[in-house]
Amino acid sequence: MSGLGKALRFSAEFIAGIFAGTGIGWALDQVAGTSPWGMIVGLVLGFAAGMLNIMRAAGELNRRPRSGTSPGEEAERPGSDDRTR
């Protein structure tokens, strides 16, 4: 995945969390009549959820092998040992 693709994915994850939290808070305000507190709490929780989504997405991208090999596999291949040079 290119750098632009990663940035777009991270920004989409973050913005979706904020919009979802704010929307749920706004809906709660309409039902319970607690305006603006539900939306404020929803915004804060949405921000936290967005940050959590970004951390999960970054961790997922770091776990994927880059060249089709698992991490550490290159060190196990014959001939890759520094002693043979």
PDB file of N, CA and C in Angstrom:
ATOM      1  N   MET A   1       0.854  -1.173   0.000  1.00  0.00           N
ATOM      2  CA  MET A   1       0.000   0.000   0.000  1.00  0.00           C
ATOM      3  C   MET A   1       0.901   1.237   0.000  1.00  0.00           C
ATOM      4  N   SER A   2       0.551   2.212  -0.805  1.00  0.00           N
ATOM      5  CA  SER A   2       1.361   3.421  -0.893  1.00  0.00           C
ATOM      6  C   SER A   2       1.137   4.311   0.327  1.00  0.00           C
ATOM      7  N   GLY A   3       1.972   5.307   0.457  1.00  0.00           N
ATOM      8  CA  GLY A   3       1.853   6.231   1.573  1.00  0.00           C
ATOM      9  C   GLY A   3       0.540   7.001   1.546  1.00  0.00           C
ATOM     10  N   LEU A   4       0.111   7.385   0.330  1.00  0.00           N
ATOM     11  CA  LEU A   4      -1.153   8.101   0.207  1.00  0.00           C
ATOM     12  C   LEU A   4      -2.324   7.205   0.598  1.00  0.00           C
ATOM     13  N   GLY A   5      -2.251   5.950   0.223  1.00  0.00           N
ATOM     14  CA  GLY A   5      -3.309   5.006   0.597  1.00  0.00           C
ATOM     15  C   GLY A   5      -3.407   4.826   2.096  1.00  0.00           C
ATOM     16  N   LYS A   6      -2.247   4.736   2.755  1.00  0.00           N
ATOM     17  CA  LYS A   6      -2.247   4.612   4.213  1.00  0.00           C
ATOM     18  C   LYS A   6      -2.836   5.853   4.864  1.00  0.00           C
ATOM     19  N   ALA A   7      -2.452   7.022   4.367  1.00  0.00           N
ATOM     20  CA  ALA A   7      -2.956   8.275   4.943  1.00  0.00           C
ATOM     21  C   ALA A   7      -4.462   8.391   4.769  1.00  0.00           C
ATOM     22  N   LEU A   8      -4.959   8.025   3.608  1.00  0.00           N
ATOM     23  CA  LEU A   8      -6.401   8.084   3.387  1.00  0.00           C
ATOM     24  C   LEU A   8      -7.151   7.098   4.278  1.00  0.00           C
ATOM     25  N   ARG A   9      -6.579   5.906   4.455  1.00  0.00           N
ATOM     26  CA  ARG A   9      -7.229   4.928   5.320  1.00  0.00           C
ATOM     27  C   ARG A   9      -7.252   5.424   6.767  1.00  0.00           C
ATOM     28  N   PHE A  10      -6.133   5.956   7.253  1.00  0.00           N
ATOM     29  CA  PHE A  10      -6.075   6.438   8.629  1.00  0.00           C
ATOM     30  C   PHE A  10      -7.044   7.601   8.838  1.00  0.00           C
ATOM     31  N   SER A  11      -7.088   8.528   7.895  1.00  0.00           N
ATOM     32  CA  SER A  11      -7.988   9.668   8.053  1.00  0.00           C
ATOM     33  C   SER A  11      -9.448   9.225   8.004  1.00  0.00           C
ATOM     34  N   ALA A  12      -9.766   8.266   7.142  1.00  0.00           N
ATOM     35  CA  ALA A  12     -11.143   7.768   7.077  1.00  0.00           C
ATOM     36  C   ALA A  12     -11.529   7.070   8.380  1.00  0.00           C
ATOM     37  N   GLU A  13     -10.612   6.282   8.943  1.00  0.00           N
ATOM     38  CA  GLU A  13     -10.893   5.609  10.219  1.00  0.00           C
ATOM     39  C   GLU A  13     -11.146   6.635  11.323  1.00  0.00           C
ATOM     40  N   PHE A  14     -10.347   7.682  11.358  1.00  0.00           N
ATOM     41  CA  PHE A  14     -10.458   8.687  12.400  1.00  0.00           C
ATOM     42  C   PHE A  14     -11.754   9.485  12.254  1.00  0.00           C
ATOM     43  N   ILE A  15     -12.032   9.950  11.050  1.00  0.00           N
ATOM     44  CA  ILE A  15     -13.216  10.776  10.821  1.00  0.00           C
ATOM     45  C   ILE A  15     -14.493   9.969  11.038  1.00  0.00           C
ATOM     46  N   ALA A  16     -14.491   8.700  10.638  1.00  0.00           N
ATOM     47  CA  ALA A  16     -15.673   7.858  10.843  1.00  0.00           C
ATOM     48  C   ALA A  16     -15.978   7.689  12.328  1.00  0.00           C
ATOM     49  N   GLY A  17     -14.944   7.528  13.141  1.00  0.00           N
ATOM     50  CA  GLY A  17     -15.154   7.408  14.587  1.00  0.00           C
ATOM     51  C   GLY A  17     -15.751   8.668  15.184  1.00  0.00           C
ATOM     52  N   ILE A  18     -15.243   9.818  14.752  1.00  0.00           N
ATOM     53  CA  ILE A  18     -15.756  11.087  15.271  1.00  0.00           C
ATOM     54  C   ILE A  18     -17.201  11.309  14.842  1.00  0.00           C
ATOM     55  N   PHE A  19     -17.495  11.065  13.557  1.00  0.00           N
ATOM     56  CA  PHE A  19     -18.871  11.251  13.074  1.00  0.00           C
ATOM     57  C   PHE A  19     -19.846  10.296  13.754  1.00  0.00           C
ATOM     58  N   ALA A  20     -19.445   9.068  13.932  1.00  0.00           N
ATOM     59  CA  ALA A  20     -20.328   8.093  14.573  1.00  0.00           C
ATOM     60  C   ALA A  20     -20.618   8.493  16.024  1.00  0.00           C
ATOM     61  N   GLY A  21     -19.576   8.863  16.760  1.00  0.00           N
ATOM     62  CA  GLY A  21     -19.781   9.265  18.157  1.00  0.00           C
ATOM     63  C   GLY A  21     -20.631  10.512  18.281  1.00  0.00           C
ATOM     64  N   THR A  22     -20.382  11.491  17.423  1.00  0.00           N
ATOM     65  CA  THR A  22     -21.157  12.728  17.461  1.00  0.00           C
ATOM     66  C   THR A  22     -22.607  12.462  17.069  1.00  0.00           C
ATOM     67  N   GLY A  23     -22.817  11.630  16.064  1.00  0.00           N
ATOM     68  CA  GLY A  23     -24.181  11.307  15.635  1.00  0.00           C
ATOM     69  C   GLY A  23     -24.973  10.582  16.714  1.00  0.00           C
ATOM     70  N   ILE A  24     -24.337   9.640  17.373  1.00  0.00           N
ATOM     71  CA  ILE A  24     -25.014   8.922  18.457  1.00  0.00           C
ATOM     72  C   ILE A  24     -25.312   9.872  19.609  1.00  0.00           C
ATOM     73  N   GLY A  25     -24.371  10.751  19.923  1.00  0.00           N
ATOM     74  CA  GLY A  25     -24.607  11.731  20.992  1.00  0.00           C
ATOM     75  C   GLY A  25     -25.733  12.691  20.651  1.00  0.00           C
ATOM     76  N   TRP A  26     -25.790  13.134  19.387  1.00  0.00           N
ATOM     77  CA  TRP A  26     -26.857  14.034  18.949  1.00  0.00           C
ATOM     78  C   TRP A  26     -28.209  13.327  19.045  1.00  0.00           C
ATOM     79  N   ALA A  27     -28.259  12.060  18.604  1.00  0.00           N
ATOM     80  CA  ALA A  27     -29.511  11.303  18.674  1.00  0.00           C
ATOM     81  C   ALA A  27     -29.953  11.125  20.126  1.00  0.00           C
ATOM     82  N   LEU A  28     -28.999  10.870  20.997  1.00  0.00           N
ATOM     83  CA  LEU A  28     -29.325  10.738  22.418  1.00  0.00           C
ATOM     84  C   LEU A  28     -29.869  12.053  22.967  1.00  0.00           C
ATOM     85  N   ASP A  29     -29.297  13.170  22.543  1.00  0.00           N
ATOM     86  CA  ASP A  29     -29.804  14.481  22.962  1.00  0.00           C
ATOM     87  C   ASP A  29     -31.241  14.692  22.506  1.00  0.00           C
ATOM     88  N   GLN A  30     -31.566  14.267  21.298  1.00  0.00           N
ATOM     89  CA  GLN A  30     -32.919  14.460  20.780  1.00  0.00           C
ATOM     90  C   GLN A  30     -33.931  13.625  21.558  1.00  0.00           C
ATOM     91  N   VAL A  31     -33.536  12.426  21.946  1.00  0.00           N
ATOM     92  CA  VAL A  31     -34.447  11.537  22.671  1.00  0.00           C
ATOM     93  C   VAL A  31     -34.567  11.947  24.137  1.00  0.00           C
ATOM     94  N   ALA A  32     -33.439  12.223  24.768  1.00  0.00           N
ATOM     95  CA  ALA A  32     -33.437  12.481  26.208  1.00  0.00           C
ATOM     96  C   ALA A  32     -33.574  13.963  26.556  1.00  0.00           C
ATOM     97  N   GLY A  33     -33.381  14.854  25.585  1.00  0.00           N
ATOM     98  CA  GLY A  33     -33.488  16.284  25.862  1.00  0.00           C
ATOM     99  C   GLY A  33     -32.335  16.821  26.695  1.00  0.00           C
ATOM    100  N   THR A  34     -31.159  16.268  26.515  1.00  0.00           N
ATOM    101  CA  THR A  34     -29.996  16.673  27.320  1.00  0.00           C
ATOM    102  C   THR A  34     -29.032  17.559  26.544  1.00  0.00           C
ATOM    103  N   SER A  35     -29.514  18.234  25.538  1.00  0.00           N
ATOM    104  CA  SER A  35     -28.673  19.034  24.649  1.00  0.00           C
ATOM    105  C   SER A  35     -27.837  20.029  25.439  1.00  0.00           C
ATOM    106  N   PRO A  36     -26.614  20.217  25.181  1.00  0.00           N
ATOM    107  CA  PRO A  36     -25.668  19.662  24.207  1.00  0.00           C
ATOM    108  C   PRO A  36     -24.770  18.582  24.795  1.00  0.00           C
ATOM    109  N   TRP A  37     -25.096  18.092  25.990  1.00  0.00           N
ATOM    110  CA  TRP A  37     -24.165  17.216  26.693  1.00  0.00           C
ATOM    111  C   TRP A  37     -23.971  15.852  26.025  1.00  0.00           C
ATOM    112  N   GLY A  38     -24.991  15.285  25.471  1.00  0.00           N
ATOM    113  CA  GLY A  38     -24.850  14.008  24.788  1.00  0.00           C
ATOM    114  C   GLY A  38     -23.938  14.115  23.583  1.00  0.00           C
ATOM    115  N   MET A  39     -24.077  15.220  22.844  1.00  0.00           N
ATOM    116  CA  MET A  39     -23.229  15.409  21.671  1.00  0.00           C
ATOM    117  C   MET A  39     -21.786  15.656  22.069  1.00  0.00           C
ATOM    118  N   ILE A  40     -21.567  16.372  23.148  1.00  0.00           N
ATOM    119  CA  ILE A  40     -20.199  16.629  23.614  1.00  0.00           C
ATOM    120  C   ILE A  40     -19.545  15.328  24.065  1.00  0.00           C
ATOM    121  N   VAL A  41     -20.265  14.534  24.840  1.00  0.00           N
ATOM    122  CA  VAL A  41     -19.732  13.249  25.296  1.00  0.00           C
ATOM    123  C   VAL A  41     -19.506  12.320  24.099  1.00  0.00           C
ATOM    124  N   GLY A  42     -20.452  12.311  23.162  1.00  0.00           N
ATOM    125  CA  GLY A  42     -20.297  11.505  21.961  1.00  0.00           C
ATOM    126  C   GLY A  42     -19.092  11.930  21.132  1.00  0.00           C
ATOM    127  N   LEU A  43     -18.840  13.227  21.048  1.00  0.00           N
ATOM    128  CA  LEU A  43     -17.682  13.726  20.315  1.00  0.00           C
ATOM    129  C   LEU A  43     -16.381  13.258  20.957  1.00  0.00           C
ATOM    130  N   VAL A  44     -16.302  13.326  22.273  1.00  0.00           N
ATOM    131  CA  VAL A  44     -15.097  12.883  22.974  1.00  0.00           C
ATOM    132  C   VAL A  44     -14.904  11.374  22.815  1.00  0.00           C
ATOM    133  N   LEU A  45     -15.992  10.616  22.975  1.00  0.00           N
ATOM    134  CA  LEU A  45     -15.894   9.166  22.798  1.00  0.00           C
ATOM    135  C   LEU A  45     -15.581   8.804  21.346  1.00  0.00           C
ATOM    136  N   GLY A  46     -16.121   9.557  20.397  1.00  0.00           N
ATOM    137  CA  GLY A  46     -15.822   9.334  18.989  1.00  0.00           C
ATOM    138  C   GLY A  46     -14.368   9.618  18.676  1.00  0.00           C
ATOM    139  N   PHE A  47     -13.810  10.650  19.290  1.00  0.00           N
ATOM    140  CA  PHE A  47     -12.387  10.953  19.115  1.00  0.00           C
ATOM    141  C   PHE A  47     -11.533   9.797  19.635  1.00  0.00           C
ATOM    142  N   ALA A  48     -11.893   9.295  20.810  1.00  0.00           N
ATOM    143  CA  ALA A  48     -11.147   8.161  21.378  1.00  0.00           C
ATOM    144  C   ALA A  48     -11.287   6.923  20.499  1.00  0.00           C
ATOM    145  N   ALA A  49     -12.484   6.676  19.990  1.00  0.00           N
ATOM    146  CA  ALA A  49     -12.686   5.522  19.113  1.00  0.00           C
ATOM    147  C   ALA A  49     -11.907   5.688  17.810  1.00  0.00           C
ATOM    148  N   GLY A  50     -11.856   6.908  17.291  1.00  0.00           N
ATOM    149  CA  GLY A  50     -11.085   7.162  16.075  1.00  0.00           C
ATOM    150  C   GLY A  50      -9.599   6.905  16.284  1.00  0.00           C
ATOM    151  N   MET A  51      -9.081   7.322  17.416  1.00  0.00           N
ATOM    152  CA  MET A  51      -7.666   7.065  17.714  1.00  0.00           C
ATOM    153  C   MET A  51      -7.416   5.565  17.858  1.00  0.00           C
ATOM    154  N   LEU A  52      -8.324   4.862  18.499  1.00  0.00           N
ATOM    155  CA  LEU A  52      -8.193   3.413  18.645  1.00  0.00           C
ATOM    156  C   LEU A  52      -8.225   2.729  17.275  1.00  0.00           C
ATOM    157  N   ASN A  53      -9.100   3.192  16.398  1.00  0.00           N
ATOM    158  CA  ASN A  53      -9.158   2.640  15.043  1.00  0.00           C
ATOM    159  C   ASN A  53      -7.853   2.868  14.293  1.00  0.00           C
ATOM    160  N   ILE A  54      -7.260   4.030  14.449  1.00  0.00           N
ATOM    161  CA  ILE A  54      -5.985   4.316  13.784  1.00  0.00           C
ATOM    162  C   ILE A  54      -4.895   3.390  14.314  1.00  0.00           C
ATOM    163  N   MET A  55      -4.849   3.195  15.614  1.00  0.00           N
ATOM    164  CA  MET A  55      -3.828   2.313  16.185  1.00  0.00           C
ATOM    165  C   MET A  55      -4.015   0.873  15.717  1.00  0.00           C
ATOM    166  N   ARG A  56      -5.259   0.423  15.628  1.00  0.00           N
ATOM    167  CA  ARG A  56      -5.513  -0.933  15.127  1.00  0.00           C
ATOM    168  C   ARG A  56      -5.096  -1.069  13.667  1.00  0.00           C
ATOM    169  N   ALA A  57      -5.431  -0.076  12.857  1.00  0.00           N
ATOM    170  CA  ALA A  57      -5.082  -0.127  11.438  1.00  0.00           C
ATOM    171  C   ALA A  57      -3.568  -0.097  11.253  1.00  0.00           C
ATOM    172  N   ALA A  58      -2.870   0.716  12.034  1.00  0.00           N
ATOM    173  CA  ALA A  58      -1.410   0.779  11.936  1.00  0.00           C
ATOM    174  C   ALA A  58      -0.784  -0.537  12.376  1.00  0.00           C
ATOM    175  N   GLY A  59      -1.308  -1.135  13.426  1.00  0.00           N
ATOM    176  CA  GLY A  59      -0.795  -2.429  13.871  1.00  0.00           C
ATOM    177  C   GLY A  59      -1.029  -3.509  12.834  1.00  0.00           C
ATOM    178  N   GLU A  60      -2.173  -3.455  12.158  1.00  0.00           N
ATOM    179  CA  GLU A  60      -2.470  -4.433  11.114  1.00  0.00           C
ATOM    180  C   GLU A  60      -1.505  -4.281   9.937  1.00  0.00           C
ATOM    181  N   LEU A  61      -1.195  -3.054   9.569  1.00  0.00           N
ATOM    182  CA  LEU A  61      -0.263  -2.835   8.464  1.00  0.00           C
ATOM    183  C   LEU A  61       1.152  -3.256   8.833  1.00  0.00           C
ATOM    184  N   ASN A  62       1.528  -3.123  10.097  1.00  0.00           N
ATOM    185  CA  ASN A  62       2.867  -3.525  10.532  1.00  0.00           C
ATOM    186  C   ASN A  62       3.022  -5.033  10.603  1.00  0.00           C
ATOM    187  N   ARG A  63       1.918  -5.762  10.817  1.00  0.00           N
ATOM    188  CA  ARG A  63       1.992  -7.220  10.906  1.00  0.00           C
ATOM    189  C   ARG A  63       2.105  -7.884   9.550  1.00  0.00           C
ATOM    190  N   ARG A  64       1.652  -7.224   8.498  1.00  0.00           N
ATOM    191  CA  ARG A  64       1.674  -7.829   7.170  1.00  0.00           C
ATOM    192  C   ARG A  64       3.104  -7.923   6.653  1.00  0.00           C
ATOM    193  N   PRO A  65       3.470  -9.070   6.078  1.00  0.00           N
ATOM    194  CA  PRO A  65       4.807  -9.178   5.498  1.00  0.00           C
ATOM    195  C   PRO A  65       4.925  -8.295   4.268  1.00  0.00           C
ATOM    196  N   ARG A  66       6.085  -7.682   4.095  1.00  0.00           N
ATOM    197  CA  ARG A  66       6.283  -6.739   2.998  1.00  0.00           C
ATOM    198  C   ARG A  66       6.669  -7.418   1.706  1.00  0.00           C
ATOM    199  N   SER A  67       7.435  -8.502   1.769  1.00  0.00           N
ATOM    200  CA  SER A  67       7.930  -9.120   0.549  1.00  0.00           C
ATOM    201  C   SER A  67       7.418 -10.539   0.368  1.00  0.00           C
ATOM    202  N   GLY A  68       6.331 -10.867   1.017  1.00  0.00           N
ATOM    203  CA  GLY A  68       5.792 -12.206   0.897  1.00  0.00           C
ATOM    204  C   GLY A  68       6.410 -13.194   1.871  1.00  0.00           C
ATOM    205  N   THR A  69       7.321 -12.754   2.704  1.00  0.00           N
ATOM    206  CA  THR A  69       7.929 -13.616   3.706  1.00  0.00           C
ATOM    207  C   THR A  69       7.513 -13.124   5.074  1.00  0.00           C
ATOM    208  N   SER A  70       7.509 -14.019   6.018  1.00  0.00           N
ATOM    209  CA  SER A  70       7.150 -13.617   7.369  1.00  0.00           C
ATOM    210  C   SER A  70       8.336 -12.912   8.022  1.00  0.00           C
ATOM    211  N   PRO A  71       8.076 -12.054   9.006  1.00  0.00           N
ATOM    212  CA  PRO A  71       9.164 -11.359   9.674  1.00  0.00           C
ATOM    213  C   PRO A  71      10.145 -12.345  10.299  1.00  0.00           C
ATOM    214  N   GLY A  72      11.403 -12.124  10.103  1.00  0.00           N
ATOM    215  CA  GLY A  72      12.439 -12.974  10.668  1.00  0.00           C
ATOM    216  C   GLY A  72      12.795 -14.161   9.794  1.00  0.00           C
ATOM    217  N   GLU A  73      12.053 -14.382   8.729  1.00  0.00           N
ATOM    218  CA  GLU A  73      12.313 -15.534   7.878  1.00  0.00           C
ATOM    219  C   GLU A  73      13.611 -15.371   7.093  1.00  0.00           C
ATOM    220  N   GLU A  74      13.945 -14.131   6.728  1.00  0.00           N
ATOM    221  CA  GLU A  74      15.166 -13.896   5.965  1.00  0.00           C
ATOM    222  C   GLU A  74      16.407 -14.302   6.755  1.00  0.00           C
ATOM    223  N   ALA A  75      16.374 -14.141   8.066  1.00  0.00           N
ATOM    224  CA  ALA A  75      17.532 -14.491   8.888  1.00  0.00           C
ATOM    225  C   ALA A  75      17.724 -16.006   8.948  1.00  0.00           C
ATOM    226  N   GLU A  76      16.663 -16.777   8.702  1.00  0.00           N
ATOM    227  CA  GLU A  76      16.743 -18.234   8.785  1.00  0.00           C
ATOM    228  C   GLU A  76      17.198 -18.875   7.486  1.00  0.00           C
ATOM    229  N   ARG A  77      17.246 -18.125   6.393  1.00  0.00           N
ATOM    230  CA  ARG A  77      17.633 -18.689   5.108  1.00  0.00           C
ATOM    231  C   ARG A  77      19.115 -19.015   5.091  1.00  0.00           C
ATOM    232  N   PRO A  78      19.474 -20.109   4.444  1.00  0.00           N
ATOM    233  CA  PRO A  78      20.900 -20.425   4.316  1.00  0.00           C
ATOM    234  C   PRO A  78      21.604 -19.369   3.477  1.00  0.00           C
ATOM    235  N   GLY A  79      22.785 -19.041   3.872  1.00  0.00           N
ATOM    236  CA  GLY A  79      23.567 -18.058   3.133  1.00  0.00           C
ATOM    237  C   GLY A  79      23.326 -16.628   3.596  1.00  0.00           C
ATOM    238  N   SER A  80      22.376 -16.414   4.496  1.00  0.00           N
ATOM    239  CA  SER A  80      22.127 -15.056   4.966  1.00  0.00           C
ATOM    240  C   SER A  80      22.889 -14.778   6.265  1.00  0.00           C
ATOM    241  N   ASP A  81      23.611 -15.735   6.731  1.00  0.00           N
ATOM    242  CA  ASP A  81      24.368 -15.568   7.968  1.00  0.00           C
ATOM    243  C   ASP A  81      25.608 -14.736   7.687  1.00  0.00           C
ATOM    244  N   ASP A  82      25.928 -13.826   8.597  1.00  0.00           N
ATOM    245  CA  ASP A  82      27.118 -12.979   8.406  1.00  0.00           C
ATOM    246  C   ASP A  82      28.416 -13.749   8.490  1.00  0.00           C
ATOM    247  N   ARG A  83      28.421 -14.930   9.107  1.00  0.00           N
ATOM    248  CA  ARG A  83      29.650 -15.696   9.253  1.00  0.00           C
ATOM    249  C   ARG A  83      30.121 -16.284   7.933  1.00  0.00           C
ATOM    250  N   THR A  84      29.222 -16.408   6.943  1.00  0.00           N
ATOM    251  CA  THR A  84      29.612 -17.009   5.675  1.00  0.00           C
ATOM    252  C   THR A  84      30.278 -16.027   4.745  1.00  0.00           C
ATOM    253  N   ARG A  85      30.331 -14.790   5.084  1.00  0.00           N
ATOM    254  CA  ARG A  85      30.926 -13.764   4.220  1.00  0.00           C
ATOM    255  C   ARG A  85      32.397 -13.606   4.489  1.00  0.00           C
TER     256      ARG A  85
END
